[in-house]
Amino acid sequence: MTPRKGWTDGRLDQFEKRVDERFDRVDERFDRVDERFDRFEREVNLRFRQVDERFEQVDQRFDRVEGDIRELRTLMIGGFVAVIAAIVGTAAF
C-alpha cells in the first residue's frame, strides 16, 4: 500500500466529521465530569454548613458554661464575705 500524496475533498470531509465526532465525545465526558464535581462541591458545602452549625452549638454551650462559672464565682465570693463577716461579728461581741 502506498501512501497518498494528497487528500481528496471527500477524504477531508470524512476526516473533519470524524474529528468533530471525537471532540463531541470528549465534550460529553467533560460535561459528566463537571456534573460530578458540581455534586461533590454541593455535598462538601452541605457538610461544612453542618459542621459550622455544630460548632455554633458548642460555642453556645461554652458561653452558657462561662456565664454559669461567673455566677458561681460571684456566689462563692459573696458566701466567703458572709462567712468572714459572721466570724468578725461574733469575735467582736
C-alpha atoms as a PDB file:
ATOM      1  CA  MET A   1       0.000   0.000   0.000  1.00  0.00           C
ATOM      2  CA  THR A   2       1.490   3.290  -0.995  1.00  0.00           C
ATOM      3  CA  PRO A   3       0.823   6.481   0.950  1.00  0.00           C
ATOM      4  CA  ARG A   4      -1.407   9.040  -0.662  1.00  0.00           C
ATOM      5  CA  LYS A   5       0.182  12.197  -1.934  1.00  0.00           C
ATOM      6  CA  GLY A   6      -2.909  14.305  -1.483  1.00  0.00           C
ATOM      7  CA  TRP A   7      -6.262  14.380   0.201  1.00  0.00           C
ATOM      8  CA  THR A   8      -9.484  14.456  -1.745  1.00  0.00           C
ATOM      9  CA  ASP A   9     -12.334  16.701  -0.697  1.00  0.00           C
ATOM     10  CA  GLY A  10     -14.304  13.620   0.286  1.00  0.00           C
ATOM     11  CA  ARG A  11     -11.479  12.346   2.496  1.00  0.00           C
ATOM     12  CA  LEU A  12     -11.051  15.749   4.117  1.00  0.00           C
ATOM     13  CA  ASP A  13     -14.794  15.947   4.815  1.00  0.00           C
ATOM     14  CA  GLN A  14     -14.720  12.442   6.289  1.00  0.00           C
ATOM     15  CA  PHE A  15     -11.695  13.344   8.431  1.00  0.00           C
ATOM     16  CA  GLU A  16     -13.384  16.542   9.635  1.00  0.00           C
ATOM     17  CA  LYS A  17     -16.549  14.604  10.547  1.00  0.00           C
ATOM     18  CA  ARG A  18     -14.518  12.025  12.460  1.00  0.00           C
ATOM     19  CA  VAL A  19     -12.603  14.717  14.357  1.00  0.00           C
ATOM     20  CA  ASP A  20     -15.862  16.506  15.200  1.00  0.00           C
ATOM     21  CA  GLU A  21     -17.376  13.249  16.493  1.00  0.00           C
ATOM     22  CA  ARG A  22     -14.367  12.601  18.697  1.00  0.00           C
ATOM     23  CA  PHE A  23     -14.442  16.124  20.135  1.00  0.00           C
ATOM     24  CA  ASP A  24     -18.186  15.785  20.751  1.00  0.00           C
ATOM     25  CA  ARG A  25     -17.498  12.667  22.822  1.00  0.00           C
ATOM     26  CA  VAL A  26     -14.735  14.484  24.719  1.00  0.00           C
ATOM     27  CA  ASP A  27     -17.150  17.349  25.398  1.00  0.00           C
ATOM     28  CA  GLU A  28     -19.736  14.878  26.715  1.00  0.00           C
ATOM     29  CA  ARG A  29     -17.161  13.331  29.036  1.00  0.00           C
ATOM     30  CA  PHE A  30     -16.131  16.740  30.346  1.00  0.00           C
ATOM     31  CA  ASP A  31     -19.801  17.578  30.913  1.00  0.00           C
ATOM     32  CA  ARG A  32     -20.178  14.419  33.009  1.00  0.00           C
ATOM     33  CA  VAL A  33     -17.028  15.258  34.962  1.00  0.00           C
ATOM     34  CA  ASP A  34     -18.319  18.803  35.549  1.00  0.00           C
ATOM     35  CA  GLU A  35     -21.615  17.393  36.842  1.00  0.00           C
ATOM     36  CA  ARG A  36     -19.761  15.110  39.236  1.00  0.00           C
ATOM     37  CA  PHE A  37     -17.644  17.979  40.529  1.00  0.00           C
ATOM     38  CA  ASP A  38     -20.777  20.104  40.966  1.00  0.00           C
ATOM     39  CA  ARG A  39     -22.422  17.330  43.012  1.00  0.00           C
ATOM     40  CA  PHE A  40     -19.243  16.889  45.044  1.00  0.00           C
ATOM     41  CA  GLU A  41     -18.996  20.635  45.694  1.00  0.00           C
ATOM     42  CA  ARG A  42     -22.634  20.794  46.834  1.00  0.00           C
ATOM     43  CA  GLU A  43     -22.057  17.843  49.176  1.00  0.00           C
ATOM     44  CA  VAL A  44     -18.884  19.373  50.621  1.00  0.00           C
ATOM     45  CA  ASN A  45     -20.632  22.722  51.145  1.00  0.00           C
ATOM     46  CA  LEU A  46     -23.526  20.967  52.875  1.00  0.00           C
ATOM     47  CA  ARG A  47     -21.140  19.114  55.180  1.00  0.00           C
ATOM     48  CA  PHE A  48     -19.261  22.311  56.043  1.00  0.00           C
ATOM     49  CA  ARG A  49     -22.551  24.055  56.864  1.00  0.00           C
ATOM     50  CA  GLN A  50     -23.460  21.142  59.147  1.00  0.00           C
ATOM     51  CA  VAL A  51     -20.070  21.330  60.858  1.00  0.00           C
ATOM     52  CA  ASP A  52     -20.422  25.103  61.238  1.00  0.00           C
ATOM     53  CA  GLU A  53     -23.847  24.624  62.840  1.00  0.00           C
ATOM     54  CA  ARG A  54     -22.442  22.057  65.264  1.00  0.00           C
ATOM     55  CA  PHE A  55     -19.576  24.361  66.223  1.00  0.00           C
ATOM     56  CA  GLU A  56     -22.097  27.162  66.766  1.00  0.00           C
ATOM     57  CA  GLN A  57     -23.983  24.883  69.176  1.00  0.00           C
ATOM     58  CA  VAL A  58     -20.747  24.072  71.008  1.00  0.00           C
ATOM     59  CA  ASP A  59     -19.903  27.795  71.196  1.00  0.00           C
ATOM     60  CA  GLN A  60     -23.322  28.477  72.706  1.00  0.00           C
ATOM     61  CA  ARG A  61     -22.759  25.774  75.314  1.00  0.00           C
ATOM     62  CA  PHE A  62     -19.370  27.237  76.217  1.00  0.00           C
ATOM     63  CA  ASP A  63     -20.975  30.673  76.536  1.00  0.00           C
ATOM     64  CA  ARG A  64     -23.605  29.240  78.911  1.00  0.00           C
ATOM     65  CA  VAL A  65     -20.957  27.440  80.980  1.00  0.00           C
ATOM     66  CA  GLU A  66     -18.853  30.592  81.109  1.00  0.00           C
ATOM     67  CA  GLY A  67     -21.889  32.521  82.365  1.00  0.00           C
ATOM     68  CA  ASP A  68     -22.578  29.821  84.950  1.00  0.00           C
ATOM     69  CA  ILE A  69     -18.954  29.977  86.128  1.00  0.00           C
ATOM     70  CA  ARG A  70     -19.156  33.774  86.554  1.00  0.00           C
ATOM     71  CA  GLU A  71     -22.377  33.387  88.503  1.00  0.00           C
ATOM     72  CA  LEU A  72     -20.873  30.644  90.688  1.00  0.00           C
ATOM     73  CA  ARG A  73     -17.768  32.757  91.314  1.00  0.00           C
ATOM     74  CA  THR A  74     -19.945  35.688  92.381  1.00  0.00           C
ATOM     75  CA  LEU A  75     -21.946  33.454  94.733  1.00  0.00           C
ATOM     76  CA  MET A  76     -18.778  31.951  96.233  1.00  0.00           C
ATOM     77  CA  ILE A  77     -17.230  35.372  96.849  1.00  0.00           C
ATOM     78  CA  GLY A  78     -20.479  36.526  98.423  1.00  0.00           C
ATOM     79  CA  GLY A  79     -20.556  33.404 100.612  1.00  0.00           C
ATOM     80  CA  PHE A  80     -16.936  33.920 101.749  1.00  0.00           C
ATOM     81  CA  VAL A  81     -17.669  37.548 102.570  1.00  0.00           C
ATOM     82  CA  ALA A  82     -20.720  36.473 104.580  1.00  0.00           C
ATOM     83  CA  VAL A  83     -18.703  33.842 106.485  1.00  0.00           C
ATOM     84  CA  ILE A  84     -15.887  36.318 107.232  1.00  0.00           C
ATOM     85  CA  ALA A  85     -18.416  38.931 108.327  1.00  0.00           C
ATOM     86  CA  ALA A  86     -20.059  36.381 110.616  1.00  0.00           C
ATOM     87  CA  ILE A  87     -16.679  35.416 112.122  1.00  0.00           C
ATOM     88  CA  VAL A  88     -15.692  39.054 112.636  1.00  0.00           C
ATOM     89  CA  GLY A  89     -19.134  39.845 114.035  1.00  0.00           C
ATOM     90  CA  THR A  90     -19.060  37.039 116.597  1.00  0.00           C
ATOM     91  CA  ALA A  91     -15.471  37.847 117.615  1.00  0.00           C
ATOM     92  CA  ALA A  92     -16.386  41.451 118.250  1.00  0.00           C
ATOM     93  CA  PHE A  93     -19.044  40.574 120.838  1.00  0.00           C
END
